[in-house]
Amino acid sequence: MSQSSLEVPAAVSFEQAIALTQSLLSQVEAGTLSETDIATVISALVKTENGARGFFVTYLTSESSVADSPSDAVIEALRSSPDISAELLVKNIAMSTAQAIFHHRQQKEDMAKGSERVSQRTTKLIQLVDLPSVRDRTQQLMHSAKTGEGTYKAFLERWHYDTEQRQAISQALEQIK
């Protein structure tokens, strides 16, 4: 592994995490990283919220097909920080589902397809990671989406999700219970 290019700083910034994940994906595609190296880098990224956010935004939106079939190393690395991973996975389902509706309304079908791909990739990760904390947060977010109350009320309000988007979020989350 090229340590210099994939060294994750303890206080990794969101921008650094994006760049590191892009480099990681390139090296995975090129076949130059072992599963152990992949797990080490992703584990280091998901230890912090900035690192995890940068990892997920890059991994889930990547044009690389690597993200369509996560390896055991990716899954184990995500399990190494269950709370951060669970929170971001559940929010990614909500955000990508709501964004797909937004893009359809704007008749931006290519962007809607991208949001749908993020939702599909996130659903697959959730199923493979299989963390109890994901199930708990899924239930909490479904409750907030259906009632407008609860743990995720502020999250849903911050993004101004409307009734149709909240219903779609609930339906997407019901698929992964």
Protein backbone atom coordinates (compact mmCIF):
# COMPACT_ATOMS: atom_id res chain seq x y z
CA MET A 1 0.00 0.00 0.00
CA SER A 2 1.16 3.49 -0.72
CA GLN A 3 1.22 4.71 2.87
CA SER A 4 1.87 8.33 1.93
CA SER A 5 -1.18 8.58 -0.30
CA LEU A 6 -3.58 6.74 2.03
CA GLU A 7 -2.43 7.82 5.48
CA VAL A 8 -5.52 8.99 7.38
CA PRO A 9 -4.76 11.84 9.80
CA ALA A 10 -6.29 11.49 13.27
CA ALA A 11 -8.19 14.75 12.75
CA VAL A 12 -9.02 14.13 9.09
CA SER A 13 -11.04 16.89 7.45
CA PHE A 14 -14.07 16.24 5.29
CA GLU A 15 -12.10 17.37 2.23
CA GLN A 16 -9.14 15.12 3.10
CA ALA A 17 -11.50 12.17 3.55
CA ILE A 18 -12.98 12.77 0.10
CA ALA A 19 -9.52 12.87 -1.48
CA LEU A 20 -8.38 9.76 0.42
CA THR A 21 -11.50 7.84 -0.61
CA GLN A 22 -11.02 8.83 -4.26
CA SER A 23 -7.45 7.56 -4.07
CA LEU A 24 -8.59 4.38 -2.31
CA LEU A 25 -11.19 3.66 -4.99
CA SER A 26 -8.63 4.21 -7.76
CA GLN A 27 -6.22 1.81 -6.11
CA VAL A 28 -8.94 -0.78 -5.49
CA GLU A 29 -9.93 -0.60 -9.17
CA ALA A 30 -6.28 -0.99 -10.15
CA GLY A 31 -5.97 -4.01 -7.85
CA THR A 32 -3.04 -2.54 -5.94
CA LEU A 33 -4.48 -2.84 -2.42
CA SER A 34 -4.98 -5.90 -0.27
CA GLU A 35 -8.25 -6.46 1.58
CA THR A 36 -6.34 -5.75 4.82
CA ASP A 37 -5.13 -2.40 3.48
CA ILE A 38 -8.65 -1.50 2.33
CA ALA A 39 -10.09 -2.34 5.75
CA THR A 40 -7.35 -0.37 7.53
CA VAL A 41 -7.95 2.81 5.52
CA ILE A 42 -11.75 2.67 5.73
CA SER A 43 -11.66 1.84 9.45
CA ALA A 44 -9.48 4.90 10.03
CA LEU A 45 -11.82 7.07 7.97
CA VAL A 46 -15.02 5.99 9.73
CA LYS A 47 -13.58 6.58 13.21
CA THR A 48 -14.53 10.24 12.90
CA GLU A 49 -17.63 11.93 11.59
CA ASN A 50 -15.66 14.02 9.05
CA GLY A 51 -13.84 10.94 7.82
CA ALA A 52 -17.01 8.89 7.59
CA ARG A 53 -18.96 11.66 5.84
CA GLY A 54 -16.17 12.09 3.29
CA PHE A 55 -15.94 8.34 2.77
CA PHE A 56 -19.67 7.83 2.27
CA VAL A 57 -20.23 10.84 -0.02
CA THR A 58 -17.37 9.71 -2.26
CA TYR A 59 -17.97 5.96 -2.13
CA LEU A 60 -21.73 6.11 -2.63
CA THR A 61 -21.65 8.65 -5.49
CA SER A 62 -18.62 7.18 -7.25
CA GLU A 63 -18.78 6.25 -10.90
CA SER A 64 -16.69 3.22 -9.96
CA SER A 65 -18.45 -0.12 -10.01
CA VAL A 66 -16.38 -1.04 -6.92
CA ALA A 67 -19.12 0.58 -4.81
CA ASP A 68 -21.77 -1.70 -6.33
CA SER A 69 -20.21 -4.82 -4.79
CA PRO A 70 -18.69 -3.96 -1.42
CA SER A 71 -16.02 -6.41 -0.32
CA ASP A 72 -15.83 -8.06 3.08
CA ALA A 73 -13.09 -5.56 3.96
CA VAL A 74 -15.46 -2.63 3.39
CA ILE A 75 -18.19 -4.25 5.49
CA GLU A 76 -15.85 -5.13 8.37
CA ALA A 77 -14.38 -1.63 8.33
CA LEU A 78 -17.84 -0.06 8.58
CA ARG A 79 -18.67 -2.36 11.48
CA SER A 80 -15.59 -1.06 13.32
CA SER A 81 -17.43 2.22 14.03
CA PRO A 82 -21.03 1.08 14.35
CA ASP A 83 -22.56 4.29 15.70
CA ILE A 84 -21.06 6.64 13.12
CA SER A 85 -21.65 4.19 10.28
CA ALA A 86 -25.25 3.51 11.32
CA GLU A 87 -26.13 7.19 11.61
CA LEU A 88 -24.71 8.08 8.21
CA LEU A 89 -26.10 5.02 6.42
CA VAL A 90 -29.63 5.74 7.63
CA LYS A 91 -29.36 9.44 6.78
CA ASN A 92 -27.99 8.56 3.33
CA ILE A 93 -31.09 6.48 2.59
CA ALA A 94 -33.28 9.43 3.55
CA MET A 95 -31.30 12.04 1.67
CA SER A 96 -30.83 10.08 -1.54
CA THR A 97 -34.49 9.04 -1.61
CA ALA A 98 -35.67 12.62 -1.11
CA GLN A 99 -33.16 13.95 -3.66
CA ALA A 100 -34.38 11.50 -6.29
CA ILE A 101 -37.89 12.94 -5.92
CA PHE A 102 -36.52 16.49 -6.08
CA HIS A 103 -34.60 15.71 -9.29
CA HIS A 104 -37.62 14.00 -10.88
CA ARG A 105 -39.68 17.12 -10.17
CA GLN A 106 -37.01 19.22 -11.88
CA GLN A 107 -37.03 16.76 -14.81
CA LYS A 108 -33.34 16.05 -14.25
CA GLU A 109 -33.56 12.33 -14.84
CA ASP A 110 -29.79 11.74 -14.94
CA MET A 111 -29.43 13.30 -11.49
CA ALA A 112 -32.44 11.34 -10.23
CA LYS A 113 -30.79 8.12 -11.42
CA GLY A 114 -27.64 9.09 -9.52
CA SER A 115 -29.65 9.62 -6.32
CA GLU A 116 -31.43 6.30 -6.86
CA ARG A 117 -28.04 4.57 -7.29
CA VAL A 118 -26.86 6.08 -3.98
CA SER A 119 -30.02 4.79 -2.31
CA GLN A 120 -29.50 1.29 -3.76
CA ARG A 121 -25.84 1.21 -2.74
CA THR A 122 -26.70 2.42 0.75
CA THR A 123 -29.46 -0.18 1.13
CA LYS A 124 -27.01 -2.90 0.11
CA LEU A 125 -24.42 -1.66 2.63
CA ILE A 126 -27.03 -1.56 5.39
CA GLN A 127 -28.07 -5.14 4.66
CA LEU A 128 -24.47 -6.38 4.55
CA VAL A 129 -23.29 -4.47 7.62
CA ASP A 130 -26.32 -5.75 9.56
CA LEU A 131 -25.84 -3.62 12.69
CA PRO A 132 -28.45 -3.44 15.48
CA SER A 133 -27.80 0.31 15.69
CA VAL A 134 -28.88 0.65 12.04
CA ARG A 135 -32.18 -1.07 12.80
CA ASP A 136 -32.74 1.21 15.81
CA ARG A 137 -32.03 4.36 13.81
CA THR A 138 -34.15 3.11 10.91
CA GLN A 139 -37.12 2.78 13.26
CA GLN A 140 -36.47 6.23 14.75
CA LEU A 141 -36.21 7.91 11.33
CA MET A 142 -39.33 6.12 10.06
CA HIS A 143 -41.21 7.38 13.13
CA SER A 144 -40.02 10.95 12.52
CA ALA A 145 -40.84 10.77 8.80
CA LYS A 146 -44.36 9.50 9.52
CA THR A 147 -45.22 11.72 12.50
CA GLY A 148 -43.03 14.82 12.15
CA GLU A 149 -41.82 14.19 15.69
CA GLY A 150 -39.02 12.30 17.42
CA THR A 151 -35.27 11.88 17.13
CA TYR A 152 -34.97 12.86 13.46
CA LYS A 153 -37.48 15.74 13.46
CA ALA A 154 -34.73 18.40 13.24
CA PHE A 155 -32.91 16.49 10.48
CA LEU A 156 -36.06 16.28 8.33
CA GLU A 157 -36.91 19.92 8.97
CA ARG A 158 -33.37 21.14 8.23
CA TRP A 159 -33.62 19.67 4.72
CA HIS A 160 -37.24 20.88 4.25
CA TYR A 161 -38.53 17.48 3.18
CA ASP A 162 -42.19 17.64 2.20
CA THR A 163 -44.93 15.06 2.69
CA GLU A 164 -44.17 13.13 -0.50
CA GLN A 165 -40.46 12.97 0.33
CA ARG A 166 -41.14 11.86 3.91
CA GLN A 167 -43.49 9.13 2.67
CA ALA A 168 -40.84 7.92 0.22
CA ILE A 169 -38.22 7.94 3.00
CA SER A 170 -40.53 5.79 5.16
CA GLN A 171 -41.10 3.37 2.28
CA ALA A 172 -37.36 3.11 1.57
CA LEU A 173 -36.64 2.44 5.23
CA GLU A 174 -39.39 -0.19 5.45
CA GLN A 175 -37.56 -2.12 2.73
CA ILE A 176 -34.47 -2.52 4.92
CA LYS A 177 -36.00 -3.48 8.25
